Amino acid sequence: MACHPLSDNARMADALLIIDYQRDFLPPGGALAVAGGDGIARRINALARDDAFALVVATRDWHPPDHRSFREQGGPWPPHCVQGTPGAELSPQLDRSRIAVIVDAGVRPQDDGYSGFESPRMLEVLREHGITAVTVVGLATDYCVLHTARDAIGAGFAVTVDTSAVRPVDVRPGDGERALAELGALGARIVDLSAAG
């Protein structure tokens, strides 16, 4: 994995969290493709190149073959992002040059895997770098983005969700909008940053 060294003189204490931008979540052909997910790569890459972020972290669903979320195990989803498979890889559309850390979630059969904070590494790396605010982008708005942002709020971070760089699964129509409303009610800033500049 290519890692971008964190500058000692970083101006900001903000991190960009890129959630689960993996092959299996992208059309066409992803095992659990999120409609429109492939259309946000350019926006995510633009944010990752923004020097306002002192740290860029990517998360991955990284499931064992017998993960509890899979239908064969009684879960709701088809097998996806199985450890070591091409579908679990970060999308080749993603510019990895500034990604300093990759945090894996859902690594054990019983792990939920919806939040990047499920891994203790997420909080450790944010604290190590003095991060006080995070901007959350990626997939999917109503699952891993929601849970990661909610846990970030619970851990005391100021949270922004950039609506131009997330997409929902919308198992039930409107799930994505409800997720954003929930995060807004918890104090997250819900904004289209592409319109801000």
N, C-alpha and C. Protein backbone atom coordinates (compact mmCIF):
# COMPACT_ATOMS: atom_id res chain seq x y z
N MET A 1 0.85 -1.17 0.00
CA MET A 1 0.00 0.00 0.00
C MET A 1 0.89 1.23 0.00
N ALA A 2 0.58 2.20 -0.85
CA ALA A 2 1.31 3.45 -0.86
C ALA A 2 0.79 4.33 0.26
N CYS A 3 1.70 4.89 1.01
CA CYS A 3 1.30 5.74 2.13
C CYS A 3 1.85 7.14 1.92
N HIS A 4 1.05 8.11 2.22
CA HIS A 4 1.46 9.50 2.14
C HIS A 4 1.89 9.95 3.53
N PRO A 5 3.15 10.39 3.68
CA PRO A 5 3.58 10.82 5.00
C PRO A 5 2.83 12.07 5.44
N LEU A 6 2.49 12.10 6.69
CA LEU A 6 1.79 13.26 7.24
C LEU A 6 2.79 14.36 7.49
N SER A 7 2.53 15.53 6.95
CA SER A 7 3.41 16.67 7.14
C SER A 7 3.41 17.11 8.60
N ASP A 8 4.61 17.42 9.12
CA ASP A 8 4.71 17.90 10.50
C ASP A 8 4.08 19.27 10.67
N ASN A 9 3.95 20.01 9.58
CA ASN A 9 3.40 21.36 9.69
C ASN A 9 2.00 21.44 9.10
N ALA A 10 1.26 20.34 9.19
CA ALA A 10 -0.12 20.34 8.69
C ALA A 10 -0.93 21.44 9.38
N ARG A 11 -1.63 22.26 8.56
CA ARG A 11 -2.37 23.40 9.10
C ARG A 11 -3.62 22.98 9.84
N MET A 12 -4.21 21.91 9.42
CA MET A 12 -5.53 21.55 9.91
C MET A 12 -5.45 20.30 10.78
N ALA A 13 -6.48 20.11 11.57
CA ALA A 13 -6.61 18.88 12.35
C ALA A 13 -7.80 18.09 11.82
N ASP A 14 -7.97 18.12 10.49
CA ASP A 14 -9.08 17.46 9.83
C ASP A 14 -8.59 16.21 9.09
N ALA A 15 -9.42 15.18 9.10
CA ALA A 15 -9.13 13.97 8.33
C ALA A 15 -10.26 13.71 7.36
N LEU A 16 -9.92 13.13 6.23
CA LEU A 16 -10.90 12.64 5.27
C LEU A 16 -11.00 11.13 5.47
N LEU A 17 -12.20 10.64 5.71
CA LEU A 17 -12.45 9.21 5.83
C LEU A 17 -13.17 8.73 4.58
N ILE A 18 -12.50 7.91 3.79
CA ILE A 18 -13.07 7.35 2.56
C ILE A 18 -13.60 5.96 2.91
N ILE A 19 -14.90 5.81 2.89
CA ILE A 19 -15.53 4.59 3.39
C ILE A 19 -15.80 3.59 2.26
N ASP A 20 -15.15 2.44 2.37
CA ASP A 20 -15.48 1.23 1.59
C ASP A 20 -15.62 1.47 0.08
N TYR A 21 -14.68 2.22 -0.50
CA TYR A 21 -14.75 2.44 -1.95
C TYR A 21 -14.05 1.26 -2.63
N GLN A 22 -14.76 0.12 -2.66
CA GLN A 22 -14.22 -1.16 -3.08
C GLN A 22 -14.97 -1.69 -4.30
N ARG A 23 -14.29 -2.55 -5.03
CA ARG A 23 -14.85 -3.10 -6.27
C ARG A 23 -16.22 -3.73 -6.08
N ASP A 24 -16.41 -4.48 -5.00
CA ASP A 24 -17.69 -5.18 -4.83
C ASP A 24 -18.86 -4.24 -4.58
N PHE A 25 -18.60 -2.99 -4.25
CA PHE A 25 -19.68 -2.03 -4.03
C PHE A 25 -19.94 -1.15 -5.25
N LEU A 26 -19.24 -1.43 -6.35
CA LEU A 26 -19.33 -0.54 -7.51
C LEU A 26 -19.93 -1.24 -8.72
N PRO A 27 -20.83 -0.52 -9.42
CA PRO A 27 -21.29 -1.03 -10.71
C PRO A 27 -20.22 -0.75 -11.77
N PRO A 28 -20.20 -1.47 -12.85
CA PRO A 28 -21.02 -2.66 -13.07
C PRO A 28 -20.32 -3.89 -12.48
N GLY A 29 -21.07 -4.83 -12.05
CA GLY A 29 -20.51 -6.13 -11.70
C GLY A 29 -20.14 -6.36 -10.25
N GLY A 30 -20.21 -5.34 -9.40
CA GLY A 30 -19.90 -5.56 -8.00
C GLY A 30 -20.93 -6.47 -7.35
N ALA A 31 -20.48 -7.31 -6.44
CA ALA A 31 -21.38 -8.27 -5.79
C ALA A 31 -22.51 -7.59 -5.03
N LEU A 32 -22.26 -6.39 -4.54
CA LEU A 32 -23.26 -5.61 -3.79
C LEU A 32 -23.17 -4.16 -4.27
N ALA A 33 -23.32 -3.99 -5.59
CA ALA A 33 -23.09 -2.69 -6.23
C ALA A 33 -24.10 -1.64 -5.76
N VAL A 34 -23.59 -0.47 -5.43
CA VAL A 34 -24.40 0.67 -5.01
C VAL A 34 -24.65 1.54 -6.24
N ALA A 35 -25.90 1.73 -6.61
CA ALA A 35 -26.24 2.52 -7.79
C ALA A 35 -25.60 3.90 -7.70
N GLY A 36 -24.89 4.29 -8.75
CA GLY A 36 -24.24 5.59 -8.79
C GLY A 36 -22.93 5.65 -8.03
N GLY A 37 -22.54 4.57 -7.39
CA GLY A 37 -21.30 4.58 -6.61
C GLY A 37 -20.07 4.87 -7.44
N ASP A 38 -20.08 4.39 -8.69
CA ASP A 38 -18.94 4.64 -9.56
C ASP A 38 -18.85 6.10 -9.99
N GLY A 39 -19.90 6.86 -9.80
CA GLY A 39 -19.92 8.26 -10.22
C GLY A 39 -19.32 9.24 -9.23
N ILE A 40 -18.86 8.77 -8.07
CA ILE A 40 -18.32 9.70 -7.07
C ILE A 40 -16.81 9.63 -6.94
N ALA A 41 -16.15 8.80 -7.75
CA ALA A 41 -14.70 8.64 -7.64
C ALA A 41 -13.96 9.96 -7.85
N ARG A 42 -14.35 10.71 -8.86
CA ARG A 42 -13.66 11.97 -9.15
C ARG A 42 -13.77 12.94 -7.98
N ARG A 43 -14.94 13.01 -7.38
CA ARG A 43 -15.15 13.91 -6.24
C ARG A 43 -14.32 13.46 -5.03
N ILE A 44 -14.32 12.16 -4.75
CA ILE A 44 -13.51 11.64 -3.64
C ILE A 44 -12.04 11.95 -3.88
N ASN A 45 -11.56 11.74 -5.10
CA ASN A 45 -10.16 12.01 -5.41
C ASN A 45 -9.82 13.49 -5.24
N ALA A 46 -10.73 14.37 -5.65
CA ALA A 46 -10.49 15.81 -5.47
C ALA A 46 -10.36 16.16 -3.99
N LEU A 47 -11.22 15.59 -3.17
CA LEU A 47 -11.14 15.83 -1.73
C LEU A 47 -9.83 15.28 -1.17
N ALA A 48 -9.43 14.09 -1.60
CA ALA A 48 -8.21 13.48 -1.08
C ALA A 48 -6.98 14.31 -1.41
N ARG A 49 -7.02 15.04 -2.51
CA ARG A 49 -5.88 15.89 -2.89
C ARG A 49 -5.90 17.25 -2.21
N ASP A 50 -6.96 17.55 -1.48
CA ASP A 50 -7.10 18.85 -0.82
C ASP A 50 -6.18 18.92 0.39
N ASP A 51 -5.28 19.90 0.39
CA ASP A 51 -4.32 20.04 1.49
C ASP A 51 -4.97 20.45 2.80
N ALA A 52 -6.27 20.76 2.78
CA ALA A 52 -6.96 21.08 4.03
C ALA A 52 -7.02 19.86 4.94
N PHE A 53 -6.87 18.66 4.37
CA PHE A 53 -6.91 17.45 5.17
C PHE A 53 -5.50 17.04 5.59
N ALA A 54 -5.29 16.97 6.89
CA ALA A 54 -4.00 16.56 7.42
C ALA A 54 -3.78 15.06 7.27
N LEU A 55 -4.87 14.32 7.13
CA LEU A 55 -4.78 12.86 7.09
C LEU A 55 -5.91 12.32 6.22
N VAL A 56 -5.60 11.32 5.40
CA VAL A 56 -6.61 10.63 4.61
C VAL A 56 -6.57 9.14 5.00
N VAL A 57 -7.73 8.64 5.43
CA VAL A 57 -7.87 7.25 5.86
C VAL A 57 -8.93 6.59 4.98
N ALA A 58 -8.65 5.39 4.51
CA ALA A 58 -9.64 4.61 3.78
C ALA A 58 -10.04 3.41 4.63
N THR A 59 -11.32 3.06 4.57
CA THR A 59 -11.77 1.83 5.23
C THR A 59 -12.09 0.79 4.17
N ARG A 60 -12.02 -0.47 4.60
CA ARG A 60 -12.42 -1.57 3.73
C ARG A 60 -13.29 -2.53 4.52
N ASP A 61 -14.37 -2.99 3.90
CA ASP A 61 -15.03 -4.20 4.36
C ASP A 61 -14.02 -5.31 4.06
N TRP A 62 -13.75 -6.17 5.01
CA TRP A 62 -12.70 -7.18 4.82
C TRP A 62 -13.17 -8.46 5.50
N HIS A 63 -14.13 -9.13 4.84
CA HIS A 63 -14.86 -10.21 5.48
C HIS A 63 -14.25 -11.59 5.23
N PRO A 64 -14.33 -12.46 6.24
CA PRO A 64 -14.01 -13.87 6.01
C PRO A 64 -15.15 -14.52 5.20
N PRO A 65 -14.89 -15.66 4.58
CA PRO A 65 -15.92 -16.29 3.74
C PRO A 65 -17.20 -16.66 4.49
N ASP A 66 -17.11 -16.82 5.80
CA ASP A 66 -18.28 -17.21 6.59
C ASP A 66 -18.84 -16.05 7.42
N HIS A 67 -18.72 -14.83 6.90
CA HIS A 67 -19.17 -13.66 7.65
C HIS A 67 -20.68 -13.71 7.89
N ARG A 68 -21.08 -13.27 9.07
CA ARG A 68 -22.49 -13.38 9.47
C ARG A 68 -23.44 -12.54 8.63
N SER A 69 -22.95 -11.55 7.91
CA SER A 69 -23.84 -10.72 7.09
C SER A 69 -24.22 -11.40 5.78
N PHE A 70 -23.57 -12.51 5.44
CA PHE A 70 -23.84 -13.18 4.17
C PHE A 70 -25.10 -14.04 4.27
N ARG A 71 -25.84 -14.09 3.19
CA ARG A 71 -27.11 -14.85 3.16
C ARG A 71 -26.92 -16.30 3.60
N GLU A 72 -25.81 -16.91 3.19
CA GLU A 72 -25.56 -18.31 3.54
C GLU A 72 -25.44 -18.50 5.05
N GLN A 73 -25.15 -17.41 5.77
CA GLN A 73 -25.01 -17.46 7.23
C GLN A 73 -26.25 -16.87 7.92
N GLY A 74 -27.29 -16.60 7.14
CA GLY A 74 -28.51 -16.03 7.70
C GLY A 74 -28.57 -14.52 7.67
N GLY A 75 -27.59 -13.88 7.04
CA GLY A 75 -27.56 -12.42 6.96
C GLY A 75 -28.32 -11.90 5.75
N PRO A 76 -28.34 -10.57 5.58
CA PRO A 76 -29.14 -9.97 4.51
C PRO A 76 -28.44 -9.82 3.16
N TRP A 77 -27.11 -10.01 3.10
CA TRP A 77 -26.36 -9.61 1.91
C TRP A 77 -25.76 -10.81 1.17
N PRO A 78 -25.54 -10.63 -0.13
CA PRO A 78 -24.76 -11.64 -0.85
C PRO A 78 -23.30 -11.56 -0.38
N PRO A 79 -22.53 -12.62 -0.56
CA PRO A 79 -21.11 -12.53 -0.21
C PRO A 79 -20.46 -11.36 -0.94
N HIS A 80 -19.66 -10.59 -0.21
CA HIS A 80 -19.00 -9.41 -0.79
C HIS A 80 -17.75 -9.09 0.01
N CYS A 81 -16.79 -8.47 -0.64
CA CYS A 81 -15.56 -8.00 0.00
C CYS A 81 -14.91 -9.09 0.85
N VAL A 82 -14.82 -10.28 0.28
CA VAL A 82 -14.19 -11.40 0.97
C VAL A 82 -12.68 -11.21 0.94
N GLN A 83 -12.07 -11.36 2.10
CA GLN A 83 -10.63 -11.12 2.26
C GLN A 83 -9.82 -11.78 1.15
N GLY A 84 -8.95 -10.98 0.52
CA GLY A 84 -8.04 -11.50 -0.48
C GLY A 84 -8.61 -11.68 -1.88
N THR A 85 -9.89 -11.34 -2.07
CA THR A 85 -10.50 -11.47 -3.40
C THR A 85 -10.44 -10.14 -4.14
N PRO A 86 -10.53 -10.16 -5.47
CA PRO A 86 -10.53 -8.91 -6.22
C PRO A 86 -11.64 -7.96 -5.79
N GLY A 87 -12.81 -8.49 -5.42
CA GLY A 87 -13.92 -7.63 -5.02
C GLY A 87 -13.66 -6.85 -3.75
N ALA A 88 -12.74 -7.32 -2.92
CA ALA A 88 -12.41 -6.62 -1.68
C ALA A 88 -11.40 -5.51 -1.87
N GLU A 89 -10.78 -5.45 -3.05
CA GLU A 89 -9.76 -4.43 -3.31
C GLU A 89 -10.40 -3.05 -3.42
N LEU A 90 -9.65 -2.04 -3.00
CA LEU A 90 -10.08 -0.66 -3.25
C LEU A 90 -10.22 -0.47 -4.75
N SER A 91 -11.16 0.36 -5.14
CA SER A 91 -11.40 0.59 -6.56
C SER A 91 -10.16 1.16 -7.23
N PRO A 92 -9.85 0.69 -8.44
CA PRO A 92 -8.73 1.29 -9.18
C PRO A 92 -9.01 2.74 -9.56
N GLN A 93 -10.27 3.18 -9.48
CA GLN A 93 -10.60 4.58 -9.75
C GLN A 93 -10.11 5.50 -8.63
N LEU A 94 -9.81 4.92 -7.48
CA LEU A 94 -9.44 5.70 -6.30
C LEU A 94 -7.96 6.06 -6.35
N ASP A 95 -7.65 7.35 -6.26
CA ASP A 95 -6.27 7.81 -6.18
C ASP A 95 -5.77 7.54 -4.76
N ARG A 96 -4.81 6.64 -4.66
CA ARG A 96 -4.33 6.22 -3.33
C ARG A 96 -3.11 7.00 -2.85
N SER A 97 -2.67 7.99 -3.61
CA SER A 97 -1.39 8.64 -3.29
C SER A 97 -1.39 9.35 -1.95
N ARG A 98 -2.54 9.79 -1.45
CA ARG A 98 -2.56 10.47 -0.15
C ARG A 98 -3.20 9.63 0.95
N ILE A 99 -3.57 8.42 0.65
CA ILE A 99 -4.14 7.55 1.69
C ILE A 99 -3.00 7.10 2.59
N ALA A 100 -3.05 7.52 3.85
CA ALA A 100 -1.99 7.20 4.80
C ALA A 100 -2.23 5.87 5.49
N VAL A 101 -3.49 5.52 5.70
CA VAL A 101 -3.84 4.34 6.48
C VAL A 101 -5.08 3.68 5.86
N ILE A 102 -5.08 2.35 5.83
CA ILE A 102 -6.27 1.60 5.47
C ILE A 102 -6.72 0.83 6.71
N VAL A 103 -7.98 1.04 7.09
CA VAL A 103 -8.55 0.39 8.27
C VAL A 103 -9.57 -0.65 7.79
N ASP A 104 -9.41 -1.88 8.24
CA ASP A 104 -10.32 -2.96 7.85
C ASP A 104 -11.39 -3.17 8.91
N ALA A 105 -12.61 -3.44 8.45
CA ALA A 105 -13.74 -3.71 9.35
C ALA A 105 -14.41 -5.01 8.93
N GLY A 106 -15.09 -5.63 9.88
CA GLY A 106 -15.79 -6.87 9.59
C GLY A 106 -14.84 -8.03 9.33
N VAL A 107 -13.70 -8.04 10.04
CA VAL A 107 -12.65 -9.00 9.74
C VAL A 107 -12.88 -10.38 10.36
N ARG A 108 -13.76 -10.47 11.35
CA ARG A 108 -14.08 -11.77 11.96
C ARG A 108 -15.52 -12.12 11.63
N PRO A 109 -15.86 -13.41 11.63
CA PRO A 109 -17.21 -13.81 11.23
C PRO A 109 -18.31 -13.10 12.00
N GLN A 110 -18.10 -12.83 13.29
CA GLN A 110 -19.15 -12.24 14.12
C GLN A 110 -19.15 -10.71 14.12
N ASP A 111 -18.13 -10.07 13.53
CA ASP A 111 -18.07 -8.61 13.51
C ASP A 111 -19.16 -8.04 12.61
N ASP A 112 -19.78 -6.96 13.06
CA ASP A 112 -20.80 -6.30 12.26
C ASP A 112 -20.19 -5.74 10.98
N GLY A 113 -19.16 -4.93 11.12
CA GLY A 113 -18.45 -4.42 9.97
C GLY A 113 -19.01 -3.14 9.37
N TYR A 114 -20.04 -2.55 9.96
CA TYR A 114 -20.61 -1.34 9.38
C TYR A 114 -19.82 -0.08 9.71
N SER A 115 -19.09 -0.05 10.79
CA SER A 115 -18.37 1.15 11.20
C SER A 115 -16.87 0.97 11.11
N GLY A 116 -16.20 1.96 10.55
CA GLY A 116 -14.74 1.95 10.56
C GLY A 116 -14.17 1.99 11.97
N PHE A 117 -14.97 2.48 12.92
CA PHE A 117 -14.51 2.54 14.31
C PHE A 117 -14.62 1.18 15.00
N GLU A 118 -15.18 0.19 14.32
CA GLU A 118 -15.19 -1.17 14.87
C GLU A 118 -13.76 -1.63 15.10
N SER A 119 -12.85 -1.19 14.24
CA SER A 119 -11.43 -1.48 14.43
C SER A 119 -10.83 -0.43 15.36
N PRO A 120 -10.17 -0.84 16.44
CA PRO A 120 -9.53 0.13 17.33
C PRO A 120 -8.50 1.00 16.61
N ARG A 121 -8.00 0.51 15.48
CA ARG A 121 -6.99 1.25 14.72
C ARG A 121 -7.51 2.61 14.26
N MET A 122 -8.79 2.71 13.94
CA MET A 122 -9.33 3.98 13.47
C MET A 122 -9.15 5.07 14.52
N LEU A 123 -9.62 4.84 15.72
CA LEU A 123 -9.50 5.84 16.77
C LEU A 123 -8.04 6.10 17.10
N GLU A 124 -7.23 5.06 17.13
CA GLU A 124 -5.80 5.21 17.42
C GLU A 124 -5.13 6.16 16.44
N VAL A 125 -5.36 5.93 15.14
CA VAL A 125 -4.66 6.74 14.14
C VAL A 125 -5.15 8.19 14.16
N LEU A 126 -6.45 8.39 14.38
CA LEU A 126 -6.96 9.76 14.45
C LEU A 126 -6.39 10.49 15.66
N ARG A 127 -6.33 9.82 16.79
CA ARG A 127 -5.76 10.44 18.00
C ARG A 127 -4.26 10.68 17.85
N GLU A 128 -3.54 9.72 17.25
CA GLU A 128 -2.10 9.87 17.03
C GLU A 128 -1.78 11.15 16.27
N HIS A 129 -2.65 11.50 15.33
CA HIS A 129 -2.39 12.65 14.47
C HIS A 129 -3.11 13.92 14.93
N GLY A 130 -3.69 13.88 16.12
CA GLY A 130 -4.33 15.08 16.66
C GLY A 130 -5.56 15.53 15.90
N ILE A 131 -6.24 14.61 15.26
CA ILE A 131 -7.43 14.94 14.46
C ILE A 131 -8.58 15.31 15.38
N THR A 132 -9.27 16.40 15.04
CA THR A 132 -10.44 16.82 15.81
C THR A 132 -11.72 16.83 14.98
N ALA A 133 -11.58 16.77 13.66
CA ALA A 133 -12.75 16.82 12.77
C ALA A 133 -12.53 15.86 11.61
N VAL A 134 -13.63 15.23 11.17
CA VAL A 134 -13.54 14.31 10.04
C VAL A 134 -14.62 14.65 9.01
N THR A 135 -14.26 14.47 7.75
CA THR A 135 -15.22 14.54 6.66
C THR A 135 -15.37 13.12 6.13
N VAL A 136 -16.61 12.66 6.04
CA VAL A 136 -16.89 11.27 5.68
C VAL A 136 -17.48 11.22 4.27
N VAL A 137 -16.90 10.36 3.43
CA VAL A 137 -17.36 10.16 2.06
C VAL A 137 -17.32 8.66 1.75
N GLY A 138 -17.99 8.25 0.68
CA GLY A 138 -17.89 6.87 0.24
C GLY A 138 -19.22 6.14 0.26
N LEU A 139 -19.15 4.84 0.55
CA LEU A 139 -20.30 3.95 0.40
C LEU A 139 -20.53 3.12 1.66
N ALA A 140 -21.73 2.88 1.94
CA ALA A 140 -22.95 3.47 1.43
C ALA A 140 -23.53 4.38 2.50
N THR A 141 -24.22 5.43 2.07
CA THR A 141 -24.74 6.44 2.97
C THR A 141 -25.51 5.85 4.14
N ASP A 142 -26.36 4.88 3.85
CA ASP A 142 -27.29 4.35 4.85
C ASP A 142 -26.75 3.16 5.64
N TYR A 143 -25.50 2.81 5.42
CA TYR A 143 -24.89 1.71 6.18
C TYR A 143 -23.54 2.15 6.74
N CYS A 144 -22.47 1.92 6.01
CA CYS A 144 -21.15 2.15 6.59
C CYS A 144 -20.82 3.63 6.78
N VAL A 145 -21.30 4.50 5.90
CA VAL A 145 -21.12 5.94 6.13
C VAL A 145 -21.88 6.35 7.38
N LEU A 146 -23.13 5.95 7.49
CA LEU A 146 -23.95 6.27 8.66
C LEU A 146 -23.29 5.80 9.95
N HIS A 147 -22.91 4.55 10.01
CA HIS A 147 -22.37 3.99 11.25
C HIS A 147 -21.01 4.59 11.61
N THR A 148 -20.16 4.81 10.60
CA THR A 148 -18.85 5.41 10.87
C THR A 148 -19.01 6.84 11.34
N ALA A 149 -19.87 7.61 10.68
CA ALA A 149 -20.08 9.01 11.08
C ALA A 149 -20.70 9.08 12.47
N ARG A 150 -21.66 8.21 12.75
CA ARG A 150 -22.30 8.20 14.06
C ARG A 150 -21.28 7.87 15.16
N ASP A 151 -20.41 6.91 14.90
CA ASP A 151 -19.39 6.56 15.89
C ASP A 151 -18.36 7.68 16.04
N ALA A 152 -18.06 8.38 14.95
CA ALA A 152 -17.14 9.52 15.05
C ALA A 152 -17.72 10.61 15.93
N ILE A 153 -19.01 10.89 15.78
CA ILE A 153 -19.68 11.86 16.65
C ILE A 153 -19.60 11.40 18.09
N GLY A 154 -19.88 10.13 18.32
CA GLY A 154 -19.83 9.57 19.67
C GLY A 154 -18.45 9.64 20.29
N ALA A 155 -17.41 9.61 19.45
CA ALA A 155 -16.03 9.69 19.94
C ALA A 155 -15.56 11.13 20.11
N GLY A 156 -16.44 12.10 19.81
CA GLY A 156 -16.11 13.50 20.06
C GLY A 156 -15.57 14.27 18.88
N PHE A 157 -15.60 13.70 17.69
CA PHE A 157 -15.12 14.42 16.51
C PHE A 157 -16.23 15.28 15.92
N ALA A 158 -15.85 16.44 15.39
CA ALA A 158 -16.77 17.21 14.56
C ALA A 158 -16.86 16.48 13.22
N VAL A 159 -18.08 16.26 12.74
CA VAL A 159 -18.28 15.43 11.56
C VAL A 159 -18.99 16.20 10.46
N THR A 160 -18.45 16.09 9.26
CA THR A 160 -19.09 16.58 8.04
C THR A 160 -19.31 15.40 7.12
N VAL A 161 -20.47 15.32 6.51
CA VAL A 161 -20.73 14.34 5.45
C VAL A 161 -20.93 15.13 4.17
N ASP A 162 -20.08 14.86 3.18
CA ASP A 162 -20.17 15.55 1.89
C ASP A 162 -21.15 14.78 1.00
N THR A 163 -22.33 15.36 0.80
CA THR A 163 -23.38 14.67 0.05
C THR A 163 -23.04 14.47 -1.43
N SER A 164 -22.05 15.21 -1.93
CA SER A 164 -21.64 15.01 -3.32
C SER A 164 -20.75 13.78 -3.48
N ALA A 165 -20.34 13.17 -2.38
CA ALA A 165 -19.38 12.06 -2.44
C ALA A 165 -19.83 10.85 -1.64
N VAL A 166 -21.14 10.69 -1.50
CA VAL A 166 -21.72 9.49 -0.88
C VAL A 166 -22.89 9.02 -1.75
N ARG A 167 -23.21 7.74 -1.65
CA ARG A 167 -24.38 7.19 -2.33
C ARG A 167 -24.99 6.11 -1.42
N PRO A 168 -26.34 6.00 -1.43
CA PRO A 168 -27.02 5.02 -0.58
C PRO A 168 -27.31 3.70 -1.29
N VAL A 169 -27.53 2.66 -0.50
CA VAL A 169 -28.08 1.41 -1.02
C VAL A 169 -29.57 1.59 -1.24
N ASP A 170 -30.25 2.26 -0.30
CA ASP A 170 -31.71 2.48 -0.38
C ASP A 170 -32.48 1.17 -0.54
N VAL A 171 -32.22 0.20 0.36
CA VAL A 171 -33.02 -1.03 0.36
C VAL A 171 -34.49 -0.66 0.44
N ARG A 172 -34.81 0.28 1.32
CA ARG A 172 -36.14 0.91 1.34
C ARG A 172 -35.95 2.31 0.78
N PRO A 173 -36.78 2.73 -0.16
CA PRO A 173 -36.62 4.07 -0.72
C PRO A 173 -36.54 5.12 0.39
N GLY A 174 -35.55 6.00 0.26
CA GLY A 174 -35.38 7.07 1.24
C GLY A 174 -34.45 6.74 2.39
N ASP A 175 -33.89 5.52 2.44
CA ASP A 175 -32.98 5.16 3.53
C ASP A 175 -31.78 6.12 3.60
N GLY A 176 -31.26 6.48 2.45
CA GLY A 176 -30.11 7.39 2.43
C GLY A 176 -30.44 8.75 3.01
N GLU A 177 -31.60 9.29 2.62
CA GLU A 177 -32.02 10.59 3.16
C GLU A 177 -32.27 10.51 4.66
N ARG A 178 -32.86 9.42 5.09
CA ARG A 178 -33.10 9.24 6.54
C ARG A 178 -31.78 9.14 7.31
N ALA A 179 -30.80 8.49 6.72
CA ALA A 179 -29.49 8.39 7.37
C ALA A 179 -28.86 9.77 7.52
N LEU A 180 -28.93 10.58 6.48
CA LEU A 180 -28.38 11.93 6.56
C LEU A 180 -29.13 12.77 7.58
N ALA A 181 -30.45 12.63 7.62
CA ALA A 181 -31.25 13.37 8.61
C ALA A 181 -30.87 12.95 10.03
N GLU A 182 -30.66 11.66 10.24
CA GLU A 182 -30.25 11.18 11.56
C GLU A 182 -28.91 11.78 11.97
N LEU A 183 -27.96 11.79 11.04
CA LEU A 183 -26.65 12.35 11.35
C LEU A 183 -26.73 13.84 11.61
N GLY A 184 -27.55 14.54 10.83
CA GLY A 184 -27.75 15.97 11.08
C GLY A 184 -28.32 16.24 12.45
N ALA A 185 -29.27 15.41 12.87
CA ALA A 185 -29.87 15.57 14.19
C ALA A 185 -28.87 15.30 15.30
N LEU A 186 -27.85 14.49 15.01
CA LEU A 186 -26.81 14.20 16.00
C LEU A 186 -25.71 15.26 16.02
N GLY A 187 -25.80 16.22 15.10
CA GLY A 187 -24.84 17.32 15.09
C GLY A 187 -23.87 17.32 13.93
N ALA A 188 -23.98 16.36 13.03
CA ALA A 188 -23.10 16.36 11.86
C ALA A 188 -23.50 17.48 10.91
N ARG A 189 -22.52 17.99 10.20
CA ARG A 189 -22.76 18.98 9.15
C ARG A 189 -22.99 18.19 7.86
N ILE A 190 -24.16 18.34 7.27
CA ILE A 190 -24.53 17.63 6.05
C ILE A 190 -24.52 18.66 4.93
N VAL A 191 -23.57 18.54 4.00
CA VAL A 191 -23.37 19.61 3.04
C VAL A 191 -22.79 19.06 1.74
N ASP A 192 -23.12 19.71 0.64
CA ASP A 192 -22.52 19.41 -0.66
C ASP A 192 -21.29 20.30 -0.79
N LEU A 193 -20.12 19.76 -0.49
CA LEU A 193 -18.90 20.56 -0.54
C LEU A 193 -18.49 20.93 -1.95
N SER A 194 -19.00 20.20 -2.96
CA SER A 194 -18.66 20.55 -4.33
C SER A 194 -19.28 21.89 -4.71
N ALA A 195 -20.37 22.26 -4.07
CA ALA A 195 -21.03 23.54 -4.33
C ALA A 195 -20.38 24.68 -3.56
N ALA A 196 -19.54 24.34 -2.59
CA ALA A 196 -18.92 25.36 -1.74
C ALA A 196 -17.65 25.93 -2.34
N GLY A 197 -17.18 25.34 -3.39
CA GLY A 197 -15.95 25.89 -3.92
C GLY A 197 -15.56 25.21 -5.15
